[in-house]
PDB file of N, CA and C in Angstrom:
ATOM      1  N   MET A   1     -15.210   4.697  20.977  1.00  0.00           N
ATOM      2  CA  MET A   1     -14.113   3.800  20.686  1.00  0.00           C
ATOM      3  C   MET A   1     -12.886   4.263  21.482  1.00  0.00           C
ATOM      4  N   ASN A   2     -12.850   3.940  22.758  1.00  0.00           N
ATOM      5  CA  ASN A   2     -11.756   4.370  23.616  1.00  0.00           C
ATOM      6  C   ASN A   2     -10.604   3.379  23.643  1.00  0.00           C
ATOM      7  N   ASP A   3     -10.879   2.158  23.330  1.00  0.00           N
ATOM      8  CA  ASP A   3      -9.858   1.120  23.386  1.00  0.00           C
ATOM      9  C   ASP A   3      -9.024   1.131  22.100  1.00  0.00           C
ATOM     10  N   PRO A   4      -7.685   1.193  22.217  1.00  0.00           N
ATOM     11  CA  PRO A   4      -6.864   1.177  20.985  1.00  0.00           C
ATOM     12  C   PRO A   4      -7.040  -0.102  20.171  1.00  0.00           C
ATOM     13  N   LEU A   5      -7.296  -1.215  20.832  1.00  0.00           N
ATOM     14  CA  LEU A   5      -7.505  -2.461  20.084  1.00  0.00           C
ATOM     15  C   LEU A   5      -8.779  -2.402  19.248  1.00  0.00           C
ATOM     16  N   GLN A   6      -9.798  -1.727  19.754  1.00  0.00           N
ATOM     17  CA  GLN A   6     -11.016  -1.566  18.964  1.00  0.00           C
ATOM     18  C   GLN A   6     -10.753  -0.698  17.741  1.00  0.00           C
ATOM     19  N   ALA A   7      -9.921   0.313  17.888  1.00  0.00           N
ATOM     20  CA  ALA A   7      -9.586   1.168  16.758  1.00  0.00           C
ATOM     21  C   ALA A   7      -8.809   0.391  15.704  1.00  0.00           C
ATOM     22  N   ILE A   8      -7.866  -0.424  16.147  1.00  0.00           N
ATOM     23  CA  ILE A   8      -7.098  -1.246  15.205  1.00  0.00           C
ATOM     24  C   ILE A   8      -8.013  -2.240  14.508  1.00  0.00           C
ATOM     25  N   TRP A   9      -8.919  -2.867  15.259  1.00  0.00           N
ATOM     26  CA  TRP A   9      -9.839  -3.837  14.665  1.00  0.00           C
ATOM     27  C   TRP A   9     -10.760  -3.158  13.653  1.00  0.00           C
ATOM     28  N   ALA A  10     -11.178  -1.916  13.930  1.00  0.00           N
ATOM     29  CA  ALA A  10     -12.024  -1.188  12.984  1.00  0.00           C
ATOM     30  C   ALA A  10     -11.269  -0.915  11.687  1.00  0.00           C
ATOM     31  N   LEU A  11      -9.964  -0.621  11.780  1.00  0.00           N
ATOM     32  CA  LEU A  11      -9.165  -0.423  10.572  1.00  0.00           C
ATOM     33  C   LEU A  11      -9.034  -1.714   9.776  1.00  0.00           C
ATOM     34  N   VAL A  12      -8.840  -2.828  10.460  1.00  0.00           N
ATOM     35  CA  VAL A  12      -8.682  -4.104   9.761  1.00  0.00           C
ATOM     36  C   VAL A  12      -9.976  -4.502   9.075  1.00  0.00           C
ATOM     37  N   GLN A  13     -11.107  -4.118   9.639  1.00  0.00           N
ATOM     38  CA  GLN A  13     -12.387  -4.475   9.034  1.00  0.00           C
ATOM     39  C   GLN A  13     -12.720  -3.625   7.815  1.00  0.00           C
ATOM     40  N   LEU A  14     -11.968  -2.568   7.563  1.00  0.00           N
ATOM     41  CA  LEU A  14     -12.173  -1.804   6.338  1.00  0.00           C
ATOM     42  C   LEU A  14     -11.847  -2.677   5.131  1.00  0.00           C
ATOM     43  N   ASN A  15     -12.195  -2.221   4.013  1.00  0.00           N
ATOM     44  CA  ASN A  15     -11.851  -2.917   2.785  1.00  0.00           C
ATOM     45  C   ASN A  15     -10.330  -3.065   2.697  1.00  0.00           C
ATOM     46  N   ALA A  16      -9.858  -4.240   2.384  1.00  0.00           N
ATOM     47  CA  ALA A  16      -8.415  -4.500   2.344  1.00  0.00           C
ATOM     48  C   ALA A  16      -7.710  -3.584   1.342  1.00  0.00           C
ATOM     49  N   ALA A  17      -8.320  -3.319   0.224  1.00  0.00           N
ATOM     50  CA  ALA A  17      -7.687  -2.469  -0.792  1.00  0.00           C
ATOM     51  C   ALA A  17      -7.510  -1.045  -0.281  1.00  0.00           C
ATOM     52  N   LEU A  18      -8.514  -0.507   0.385  1.00  0.00           N
ATOM     53  CA  LEU A  18      -8.412   0.846   0.919  1.00  0.00           C
ATOM     54  C   LEU A  18      -7.359   0.920   2.019  1.00  0.00           C
ATOM     55  N   LEU A  19      -7.343  -0.055   2.894  1.00  0.00           N
ATOM     56  CA  LEU A  19      -6.366  -0.079   3.975  1.00  0.00           C
ATOM     57  C   LEU A  19      -4.943  -0.192   3.432  1.00  0.00           C
ATOM     58  N   VAL A  20      -4.727  -1.048   2.449  1.00  0.00           N
ATOM     59  CA  VAL A  20      -3.406  -1.201   1.842  1.00  0.00           C
ATOM     60  C   VAL A  20      -3.008   0.084   1.127  1.00  0.00           C
ATOM     61  N   MET A  21      -3.933   0.713   0.448  1.00  0.00           N
ATOM     62  CA  MET A  21      -3.629   1.943  -0.284  1.00  0.00           C
ATOM     63  C   MET A  21      -3.159   3.041   0.668  1.00  0.00           C
ATOM     64  N   VAL A  22      -3.857   3.218   1.772  1.00  0.00           N
ATOM     65  CA  VAL A  22      -3.456   4.226   2.752  1.00  0.00           C
ATOM     66  C   VAL A  22      -2.111   3.866   3.372  1.00  0.00           C
ATOM     67  N   ALA A  23      -1.914   2.592   3.688  1.00  0.00           N
ATOM     68  CA  ALA A  23      -0.660   2.162   4.326  1.00  0.00           C
ATOM     69  C   ALA A  23       0.544   2.384   3.416  1.00  0.00           C
ATOM     70  N   VAL A  24       0.412   2.083   2.133  1.00  0.00           N
ATOM     71  CA  VAL A  24       1.575   2.234   1.259  1.00  0.00           C
ATOM     72  C   VAL A  24       1.839   3.690   0.890  1.00  0.00           C
ATOM     73  N   ILE A  25       0.810   4.535   0.897  1.00  0.00           N
ATOM     74  CA  ILE A  25       1.063   5.964   0.694  1.00  0.00           C
ATOM     75  C   ILE A  25       1.844   6.517   1.877  1.00  0.00           C
ATOM     76  N   VAL A  26       1.455   6.131   3.082  1.00  0.00           N
ATOM     77  CA  VAL A  26       2.209   6.558   4.272  1.00  0.00           C
ATOM     78  C   VAL A  26       3.626   6.004   4.218  1.00  0.00           C
ATOM     79  N   LEU A  27       3.780   4.749   3.818  1.00  0.00           N
ATOM     80  CA  LEU A  27       5.111   4.149   3.694  1.00  0.00           C
ATOM     81  C   LEU A  27       5.955   4.913   2.679  1.00  0.00           C
ATOM     82  N   GLY A  28       5.366   5.322   1.579  1.00  0.00           N
ATOM     83  CA  GLY A  28       6.103   6.082   0.571  1.00  0.00           C
ATOM     84  C   GLY A  28       6.645   7.384   1.122  1.00  0.00           C
ATOM     85  N   TYR A  29       5.852   8.078   1.921  1.00  0.00           N
ATOM     86  CA  TYR A  29       6.331   9.323   2.515  1.00  0.00           C
ATOM     87  C   TYR A  29       7.387   9.075   3.577  1.00  0.00           C
ATOM     88  N   VAL A  30       7.270   7.981   4.309  1.00  0.00           N
ATOM     89  CA  VAL A  30       8.315   7.638   5.285  1.00  0.00           C
ATOM     90  C   VAL A  30       9.616   7.318   4.556  1.00  0.00           C
ATOM     91  N   LEU A  31       9.525   6.559   3.468  1.00  0.00           N
ATOM     92  CA  LEU A  31      10.722   6.236   2.690  1.00  0.00           C
ATOM     93  C   LEU A  31      11.333   7.481   2.057  1.00  0.00           C
ATOM     94  N   LYS A  32      10.503   8.449   1.722  1.00  0.00           N
ATOM     95  CA  LYS A  32      11.019   9.683   1.124  1.00  0.00           C
ATOM     96  C   LYS A  32      11.883  10.459   2.113  1.00  0.00           C
ATOM     97  N   LEU A  33      11.595  10.318   3.385  1.00  0.00           N
ATOM     98  CA  LEU A  33      12.364  11.017   4.406  1.00  0.00           C
ATOM     99  C   LEU A  33      13.688  10.333   4.740  1.00  0.00           C
ATOM    100  N   VAL A  34      13.861   9.081   4.308  1.00  0.00           N
ATOM    101  CA  VAL A  34      15.106   8.355   4.559  1.00  0.00           C
ATOM    102  C   VAL A  34      16.105   8.732   3.463  1.00  0.00           C
ATOM    103  N   PRO A  35      17.226   9.358   3.834  1.00  0.00           N
ATOM    104  CA  PRO A  35      18.144   9.850   2.791  1.00  0.00           C
ATOM    105  C   PRO A  35      18.873   8.735   2.033  1.00  0.00           C
ATOM    106  N   GLN A  36      18.972   7.546   2.581  1.00  0.00           N
ATOM    107  CA  GLN A  36      19.684   6.468   1.895  1.00  0.00           C
ATOM    108  C   GLN A  36      18.876   5.834   0.772  1.00  0.00           C
ATOM    109  N   ILE A  37      17.594   6.125   0.704  1.00  0.00           N
ATOM    110  CA  ILE A  37      16.730   5.518  -0.309  1.00  0.00           C
ATOM    111  C   ILE A  37      16.505   6.515  -1.435  1.00  0.00           C
ATOM    112  N   ASN A  38      16.792   6.073  -2.638  1.00  0.00           N
ATOM    113  CA  ASN A  38      16.599   6.900  -3.827  1.00  0.00           C
ATOM    114  C   ASN A  38      15.105   7.014  -4.117  1.00  0.00           C
ATOM    115  N   ASN A  39      14.632   8.223  -4.381  1.00  0.00           N
ATOM    116  CA  ASN A  39      13.204   8.442  -4.612  1.00  0.00           C
ATOM    117  C   ASN A  39      12.679   7.720  -5.849  1.00  0.00           C
ATOM    118  N   SER A  40      13.522   7.438  -6.801  1.00  0.00           N
ATOM    119  CA  SER A  40      13.055   6.752  -8.006  1.00  0.00           C
ATOM    120  C   SER A  40      12.721   5.282  -7.735  1.00  0.00           C
ATOM    121  N   ARG A  41      13.169   4.750  -6.610  1.00  0.00           N
ATOM    122  CA  ARG A  41      12.871   3.355  -6.271  1.00  0.00           C
ATOM    123  C   ARG A  41      11.663   3.210  -5.361  1.00  0.00           C
ATOM    124  N   ILE A  42      11.144   4.294  -4.855  1.00  0.00           N
ATOM    125  CA  ILE A  42      10.021   4.222  -3.925  1.00  0.00           C
ATOM    126  C   ILE A  42       8.780   3.579  -4.559  1.00  0.00           C
ATOM    127  N   PRO A  43       8.410   3.844  -5.823  1.00  0.00           N
ATOM    128  CA  PRO A  43       7.246   3.153  -6.399  1.00  0.00           C
ATOM    129  C   PRO A  43       7.392   1.633  -6.409  1.00  0.00           C
ATOM    130  N   ILE A  44       8.597   1.135  -6.653  1.00  0.00           N
ATOM    131  CA  ILE A  44       8.806  -0.322  -6.631  1.00  0.00           C
ATOM    132  C   ILE A  44       8.575  -0.862  -5.226  1.00  0.00           C
ATOM    133  N   TYR A  45       9.125  -0.174  -4.208  1.00  0.00           N
ATOM    134  CA  TYR A  45       8.938  -0.601  -2.825  1.00  0.00           C
ATOM    135  C   TYR A  45       7.465  -0.552  -2.436  1.00  0.00           C
ATOM    136  N   VAL A  46       6.771   0.463  -2.893  1.00  0.00           N
ATOM    137  CA  VAL A  46       5.352   0.609  -2.573  1.00  0.00           C
ATOM    138  C   VAL A  46       4.542  -0.522  -3.192  1.00  0.00           C
ATOM    139  N   ILE A  47       4.802  -0.834  -4.442  1.00  0.00           N
ATOM    140  CA  ILE A  47       4.042  -1.893  -5.112  1.00  0.00           C
ATOM    141  C   ILE A  47       4.340  -3.255  -4.495  1.00  0.00           C
ATOM    142  N   LEU A  48       5.604  -3.541  -4.188  1.00  0.00           N
ATOM    143  CA  LEU A  48       5.937  -4.823  -3.564  1.00  0.00           C
ATOM    144  C   LEU A  48       5.338  -4.943  -2.162  1.00  0.00           C
ATOM    145  N   THR A  49       5.358  -3.862  -1.417  1.00  0.00           N
ATOM    146  CA  THR A  49       4.767  -3.880  -0.086  1.00  0.00           C
ATOM    147  C   THR A  49       3.258  -4.050  -0.170  1.00  0.00           C
ATOM    148  N   SER A  50       2.636  -3.435  -1.145  1.00  0.00           N
ATOM    149  CA  SER A  50       1.192  -3.581  -1.278  1.00  0.00           C
ATOM    150  C   SER A  50       0.799  -5.014  -1.625  1.00  0.00           C
ATOM    151  N   ILE A  51       1.629  -5.695  -2.397  1.00  0.00           N
ATOM    152  CA  ILE A  51       1.356  -7.104  -2.683  1.00  0.00           C
ATOM    153  C   ILE A  51       1.377  -7.906  -1.385  1.00  0.00           C
ATOM    154  N   GLY A  52       2.413  -7.696  -0.577  1.00  0.00           N
ATOM    155  CA  GLY A  52       2.514  -8.435   0.680  1.00  0.00           C
ATOM    156  C   GLY A  52       1.387  -8.126   1.642  1.00  0.00           C
ATOM    157  N   LEU A  53       1.040  -6.846   1.767  1.00  0.00           N
ATOM    158  CA  LEU A  53      -0.053  -6.476   2.669  1.00  0.00           C
ATOM    159  C   LEU A  53      -1.390  -7.004   2.174  1.00  0.00           C
ATOM    160  N   TYR A  54      -1.621  -6.927   0.877  1.00  0.00           N
ATOM    161  CA  TYR A  54      -2.897  -7.384   0.330  1.00  0.00           C
ATOM    162  C   TYR A  54      -3.055  -8.894   0.489  1.00  0.00           C
ATOM    163  N   VAL A  55      -1.987  -9.625   0.248  1.00  0.00           N
ATOM    164  CA  VAL A  55      -2.042 -11.074   0.428  1.00  0.00           C
ATOM    165  C   VAL A  55      -2.292 -11.411   1.904  1.00  0.00           C
ATOM    166  N   GLY A  56      -1.679 -10.634   2.800  1.00  0.00           N
ATOM    167  CA  GLY A  56      -1.858 -10.902   4.228  1.00  0.00           C
ATOM    168  C   GLY A  56      -3.228 -10.523   4.758  1.00  0.00           C
ATOM    169  N   LEU A  57      -3.865  -9.530   4.173  1.00  0.00           N
ATOM    170  CA  LEU A  57      -5.158  -9.073   4.682  1.00  0.00           C
ATOM    171  C   LEU A  57      -6.356  -9.783   4.061  1.00  0.00           C
ATOM    172  N   CYS A  58      -6.202 -10.321   2.876  1.00  0.00           N
ATOM    173  CA  CYS A  58      -7.340 -10.951   2.206  1.00  0.00           C
ATOM    174  C   CYS A  58      -7.635 -12.317   2.807  1.00  0.00           C
ATOM    175  N   VAL A  59      -8.901 -12.551   3.015  1.00  0.00           N
ATOM    176  CA  VAL A  59      -9.355 -13.836   3.546  1.00  0.00           C
ATOM    177  C   VAL A  59      -9.741 -14.713   2.366  1.00  0.00           C
ATOM    178  N   PRO A  60      -9.104 -15.887   2.248  1.00  0.00           N
ATOM    179  CA  PRO A  60      -9.419 -16.734   1.097  1.00  0.00           C
ATOM    180  C   PRO A  60     -10.815 -17.332   1.221  1.00  0.00           C
ATOM    181  N   PRO A  61     -11.472 -17.577   0.095  1.00  0.00           N
ATOM    182  CA  PRO A  61     -12.773 -18.234   0.149  1.00  0.00           C
ATOM    183  C   PRO A  61     -12.616 -19.681   0.607  1.00  0.00           C
ATOM    184  N   ALA A  62     -13.711 -20.286   0.963  1.00  0.00           N
ATOM    185  CA  ALA A  62     -13.676 -21.642   1.522  1.00  0.00           C
ATOM    186  C   ALA A  62     -13.114 -22.661   0.532  1.00  0.00           C
ATOM    187  N   ASP A  63     -13.351 -22.475  -0.748  1.00  0.00           N
ATOM    188  CA  ASP A  63     -12.896 -23.462  -1.733  1.00  0.00           C
ATOM    189  C   ASP A  63     -11.535 -23.132  -2.334  1.00  0.00           C
ATOM    190  N   ALA A  64     -10.813 -22.162  -1.775  1.00  0.00           N
ATOM    191  CA  ALA A  64      -9.518 -21.765  -2.343  1.00  0.00           C
ATOM    192  C   ALA A  64      -8.468 -22.858  -2.190  1.00  0.00           C
ATOM    193  N   PHE A  65      -8.604 -23.681  -1.190  1.00  0.00           N
ATOM    194  CA  PHE A  65      -7.608 -24.725  -0.947  1.00  0.00           C
ATOM    195  C   PHE A  65      -8.154 -26.111  -1.290  1.00  0.00           C
ATOM    196  N   ALA A  66      -9.216 -26.158  -2.080  1.00  0.00           N
ATOM    197  CA  ALA A  66      -9.831 -27.436  -2.429  1.00  0.00           C
ATOM    198  C   ALA A  66      -8.912 -28.273  -3.313  1.00  0.00           C
ATOM    199  N   ASP A  67      -8.290 -27.662  -4.287  1.00  0.00           N
ATOM    200  CA  ASP A  67      -7.350 -28.366  -5.151  1.00  0.00           C
ATOM    201  C   ASP A  67      -6.285 -27.383  -5.612  1.00  0.00           C
ATOM    202  N   VAL A  68      -5.287 -27.899  -6.282  1.00  0.00           N
ATOM    203  CA  VAL A  68      -4.146 -27.075  -6.682  1.00  0.00           C
ATOM    204  C   VAL A  68      -4.543 -25.966  -7.667  1.00  0.00           C
ATOM    205  N   PRO A  69      -5.324 -26.229  -8.711  1.00  0.00           N
ATOM    206  CA  PRO A  69      -5.697 -25.127  -9.613  1.00  0.00           C
ATOM    207  C   PRO A  69      -6.473 -24.006  -8.905  1.00  0.00           C
ATOM    208  N   ALA A  70      -7.334 -24.364  -7.964  1.00  0.00           N
ATOM    209  CA  ALA A  70      -8.073 -23.327  -7.232  1.00  0.00           C
ATOM    210  C   ALA A  70      -7.131 -22.492  -6.384  1.00  0.00           C
ATOM    211  N   PHE A  71      -6.147 -23.113  -5.766  1.00  0.00           N
ATOM    212  CA  PHE A  71      -5.181 -22.375  -4.955  1.00  0.00           C
ATOM    213  C   PHE A  71      -4.316 -21.469  -5.826  1.00  0.00           C
ATOM    214  N   ILE A  72      -3.883 -21.972  -6.973  1.00  0.00           N
ATOM    215  CA  ILE A  72      -3.064 -21.164  -7.882  1.00  0.00           C
ATOM    216  C   ILE A  72      -3.872 -19.974  -8.397  1.00  0.00           C
ATOM    217  N   ARG A  73      -5.139 -20.207  -8.737  1.00  0.00           N
ATOM    218  CA  ARG A  73      -6.000 -19.127  -9.201  1.00  0.00           C
ATOM    219  C   ARG A  73      -6.172 -18.073  -8.104  1.00  0.00           C
ATOM    220  N   TYR A  74      -6.418 -18.509  -6.881  1.00  0.00           N
ATOM    221  CA  TYR A  74      -6.581 -17.568  -5.768  1.00  0.00           C
ATOM    222  C   TYR A  74      -5.284 -16.786  -5.522  1.00  0.00           C
ATOM    223  N   ALA A  75      -4.147 -17.489  -5.513  1.00  0.00           N
ATOM    224  CA  ALA A  75      -2.862 -16.835  -5.244  1.00  0.00           C
ATOM    225  C   ALA A  75      -2.522 -15.820  -6.329  1.00  0.00           C
ATOM    226  N   LEU A  76      -2.702 -16.196  -7.574  1.00  0.00           N
ATOM    227  CA  LEU A  76      -2.389 -15.268  -8.672  1.00  0.00           C
ATOM    228  C   LEU A  76      -3.302 -14.047  -8.668  1.00  0.00           C
ATOM    229  N   MET A  77      -4.579 -14.248  -8.439  1.00  0.00           N
ATOM    230  CA  MET A  77      -5.504 -13.122  -8.418  1.00  0.00           C
ATOM    231  C   MET A  77      -5.207 -12.189  -7.243  1.00  0.00           C
ATOM    232  N   THR A  78      -4.840 -12.739  -6.097  1.00  0.00           N
ATOM    233  CA  THR A  78      -4.515 -11.901  -4.947  1.00  0.00           C
ATOM    234  C   THR A  78      -3.242 -11.111  -5.194  1.00  0.00           C
ATOM    235  N   ILE A  79      -2.239 -11.722  -5.788  1.00  0.00           N
ATOM    236  CA  ILE A  79      -0.981 -11.028  -6.096  1.00  0.00           C
ATOM    237  C   ILE A  79      -1.218  -9.934  -7.143  1.00  0.00           C
ATOM    238  N   ILE A  80      -1.980 -10.244  -8.169  1.00  0.00           N
ATOM    239  CA  ILE A  80      -2.265  -9.252  -9.213  1.00  0.00           C
ATOM    240  C   ILE A  80      -3.062  -8.081  -8.641  1.00  0.00           C
ATOM    241  N   LEU A  81      -4.065  -8.362  -7.816  1.00  0.00           N
ATOM    242  CA  LEU A  81      -4.849  -7.279  -7.221  1.00  0.00           C
ATOM    243  C   LEU A  81      -4.009  -6.451  -6.253  1.00  0.00           C
ATOM    244  N   GLY A  82      -3.089  -7.096  -5.513  1.00  0.00           N
ATOM    245  CA  GLY A  82      -2.197  -6.347  -4.629  1.00  0.00           C
ATOM    246  C   GLY A  82      -1.284  -5.411  -5.405  1.00  0.00           C
ATOM    247  N   ALA A  83      -0.758  -5.885  -6.525  1.00  0.00           N
ATOM    248  CA  ALA A  83       0.078  -5.025  -7.368  1.00  0.00           C
ATOM    249  C   ALA A  83      -0.746  -3.891  -7.962  1.00  0.00           C
ATOM    250  N   TYR A  84      -1.964  -4.173  -8.339  1.00  0.00           N
ATOM    251  CA  TYR A  84      -2.851  -3.150  -8.897  1.00  0.00           C
ATOM    252  C   TYR A  84      -3.173  -2.073  -7.862  1.00  0.00           C
ATOM    253  N   VAL A  85      -3.418  -2.491  -6.627  1.00  0.00           N
ATOM    254  CA  VAL A  85      -3.698  -1.525  -5.560  1.00  0.00           C
ATOM    255  C   VAL A  85      -2.473  -0.651  -5.313  1.00  0.00           C
ATOM    256  N   GLY A  86      -1.275  -1.237  -5.307  1.00  0.00           N
ATOM    257  CA  GLY A  86      -0.055  -0.454  -5.136  1.00  0.00           C
ATOM    258  C   GLY A  86       0.160   0.521  -6.278  1.00  0.00           C
ATOM    259  N   LEU A  87      -0.116   0.089  -7.484  1.00  0.00           N
ATOM    260  CA  LEU A  87       0.001   0.971  -8.639  1.00  0.00           C
ATOM    261  C   LEU A  87      -1.009   2.117  -8.559  1.00  0.00           C
ATOM    262  N   LEU A  88      -2.229   1.815  -8.159  1.00  0.00           N
ATOM    263  CA  LEU A  88      -3.231   2.864  -8.000  1.00  0.00           C
ATOM    264  C   LEU A  88      -2.846   3.849  -6.899  1.00  0.00           C
ATOM    265  N   ALA A  89      -2.258   3.354  -5.810  1.00  0.00           N
ATOM    266  CA  ALA A  89      -1.814   4.244  -4.733  1.00  0.00           C
ATOM    267  C   ALA A  89      -0.719   5.173  -5.234  1.00  0.00           C
ATOM    268  N   TRP A  90       0.216   4.626  -5.995  1.00  0.00           N
ATOM    269  CA  TRP A  90       1.292   5.455  -6.527  1.00  0.00           C
ATOM    270  C   TRP A  90       0.750   6.488  -7.519  1.00  0.00           C
ATOM    271  N   LEU A  91      -0.163   6.074  -8.391  1.00  0.00           N
ATOM    272  CA  LEU A  91      -0.758   7.012  -9.350  1.00  0.00           C
ATOM    273  C   LEU A  91      -1.577   8.086  -8.641  1.00  0.00           C
ATOM    274  N   PHE A  92      -2.313   7.709  -7.595  1.00  0.00           N
ATOM    275  CA  PHE A  92      -3.068   8.686  -6.822  1.00  0.00           C
ATOM    276  C   PHE A  92      -2.133   9.718  -6.217  1.00  0.00           C
ATOM    277  N   HIS A  93      -1.000   9.249  -5.708  1.00  0.00           N
ATOM    278  CA  HIS A  93      -0.026  10.180  -5.151  1.00  0.00           C
ATOM    279  C   HIS A  93       0.575  11.063  -6.245  1.00  0.00           C
ATOM    280  N   ALA A  94       0.982  10.462  -7.342  1.00  0.00           N
ATOM    281  CA  ALA A  94       1.689  11.207  -8.389  1.00  0.00           C
ATOM    282  C   ALA A  94       0.792  12.241  -9.067  1.00  0.00           C
ATOM    283  N   GLN A  95      -0.485  11.939  -9.226  1.00  0.00           N
ATOM    284  CA  GLN A  95      -1.361  12.830  -9.971  1.00  0.00           C
ATOM    285  C   GLN A  95      -2.123  13.830  -9.107  1.00  0.00           C
ATOM    286  N   LEU A  96      -2.472  13.447  -7.863  1.00  0.00           N
ATOM    287  CA  LEU A  96      -3.311  14.322  -7.050  1.00  0.00           C
ATOM    288  C   LEU A  96      -2.667  14.741  -5.732  1.00  0.00           C
ATOM    289  N   LEU A  97      -2.256  13.782  -4.974  1.00  0.00           N
ATOM    290  CA  LEU A  97      -1.797  14.054  -3.617  1.00  0.00           C
ATOM    291  C   LEU A  97      -0.503  14.843  -3.573  1.00  0.00           C
ATOM    292  N   LYS A  98       0.360  14.633  -4.533  1.00  0.00           N
ATOM    293  CA  LYS A  98       1.658  15.305  -4.551  1.00  0.00           C
ATOM    294  C   LYS A  98       1.499  16.824  -4.633  1.00  0.00           C
ATOM    295  N   ARG A  99       0.546  17.297  -5.406  1.00  0.00           N
ATOM    296  CA  ARG A  99       0.333  18.744  -5.527  1.00  0.00           C
ATOM    297  C   ARG A  99      -0.087  19.360  -4.200  1.00  0.00           C
ATOM    298  N   PHE A 100      -0.944  18.667  -3.483  1.00  0.00           N
ATOM    299  CA  PHE A 100      -1.385  19.163  -2.185  1.00  0.00           C
ATOM    300  C   PHE A 100      -0.248  19.142  -1.169  1.00  0.00           C
ATOM    301  N   VAL A 101       0.500  18.058  -1.131  1.00  0.00           N
ATOM    302  CA  VAL A 101       1.592  17.923  -0.164  1.00  0.00           C
ATOM    303  C   VAL A 101       2.688  18.925  -0.459  1.00  0.00           C
ATOM    304  N   ASP A 102       3.019  19.124  -1.726  1.00  0.00           N
ATOM    305  CA  ASP A 102       4.050  20.108  -2.081  1.00  0.00           C
ATOM    306  C   ASP A 102       3.667  21.512  -1.625  1.00  0.00           C
ATOM    307  N   ALA A 103       2.384  21.840  -1.671  1.00  0.00           N
ATOM    308  CA  ALA A 103       1.945  23.180  -1.301  1.00  0.00           C
ATOM    309  C   ALA A 103       1.768  23.347   0.206  1.00  0.00           C
ATOM    310  N   LYS A 104       1.327  22.307   0.889  1.00  0.00           N
ATOM    311  CA  LYS A 104       0.949  22.452   2.291  1.00  0.00           C
ATOM    312  C   LYS A 104       1.959  21.896   3.290  1.00  0.00           C
ATOM    313  N   ILE A 105       2.795  20.947   2.895  1.00  0.00           N
ATOM    314  CA  ILE A 105       3.744  20.317   3.820  1.00  0.00           C
ATOM    315  C   ILE A 105       5.140  20.437   3.228  1.00  0.00           C
ATOM    316  N   PRO A 106       5.802  21.570   3.424  1.00  0.00           N
ATOM    317  CA  PRO A 106       7.071  21.805   2.729  1.00  0.00           C
ATOM    318  C   PRO A 106       8.232  20.931   3.206  1.00  0.00           C
ATOM    319  N   PHE A 107       8.216  20.445   4.440  1.00  0.00           N
ATOM    320  CA  PHE A 107       9.361  19.652   4.878  1.00  0.00           C
ATOM    321  C   PHE A 107       9.455  18.317   4.167  1.00  0.00           C
ATOM    322  N   LEU A 108       8.375  17.865   3.552  1.00  0.00           N
ATOM    323  CA  LEU A 108       8.438  16.630   2.768  1.00  0.00           C
ATOM    324  C   LEU A 108       9.033  16.860   1.378  1.00  0.00           C
ATOM    325  N   THR A 109       9.059  18.101   0.921  1.00  0.00           N
ATOM    326  CA  THR A 109       9.579  18.369  -0.406  1.00  0.00           C
ATOM    327  C   THR A 109      11.027  18.873  -0.371  1.00  0.00           C
ATOM    328  N   ASN A 110      11.564  19.194   0.795  1.00  0.00           N
ATOM    329  CA  ASN A 110      12.937  19.704   0.890  1.00  0.00           C
ATOM    330  C   ASN A 110      13.940  18.564   1.041  1.00  0.00           C
ATOM    331  N   ASN A 111      13.707  17.491   0.380  1.00  0.00           N
ATOM    332  CA  ASN A 111      14.600  16.343   0.440  1.00  0.00           C
ATOM    333  C   ASN A 111      15.654  16.479  -0.667  1.00  0.00           C
ATOM    334  N   GLN A 112      16.916  16.348  -0.339  1.00  0.00           N
ATOM    335  CA  GLN A 112      17.989  16.449  -1.334  1.00  0.00           C
ATOM    336  C   GLN A 112      18.019  15.222  -2.243  1.00  0.00           C
ATOM    337  N   ASN A 113      17.214  14.251  -1.947  1.00  0.00           N
ATOM    338  CA  ASN A 113      17.238  13.001  -2.687  1.00  0.00           C
ATOM    339  C   ASN A 113      16.312  13.037  -3.909  1.00  0.00           C
ATOM    340  N   ASN A 114      15.609  14.140  -4.120  1.00  0.00           N
ATOM    341  CA  ASN A 114      14.703  14.231  -5.260  1.00  0.00           C
ATOM    342  C   ASN A 114      15.474  14.235  -6.577  1.00  0.00           C
ATOM    343  N   PRO A 115      15.070  13.413  -7.543  1.00  0.00           N
ATOM    344  CA  PRO A 115      15.756  13.398  -8.836  1.00  0.00           C
ATOM    345  C   PRO A 115      15.395  14.570  -9.698  1.00  0.00           C
TER     346      PRO A 115
END
């Protein structure tokens, strides 16, 4: 896989939930490094971003636009699943990943913005 476009396409072909989860965890750490953003608001930003990414990456089924109730059902389920993926990403970070990062990557924990 020498072509960067092939690498990007391989990432897009992954499961949308896994791709969104990795993307919002990286986004959370990028936001943590920005001093103007309060760390207590990062979970909200992560969950909202995961909703947008999940809605953008999911391919609707063929009958999703057949009638209005089917479209509303598809839209609501996609939004709910996107929020759930963002919540799971935040919980994964808070319960497991944070301990590893605090021990191994100290420049991410020396932020004066920590509450």
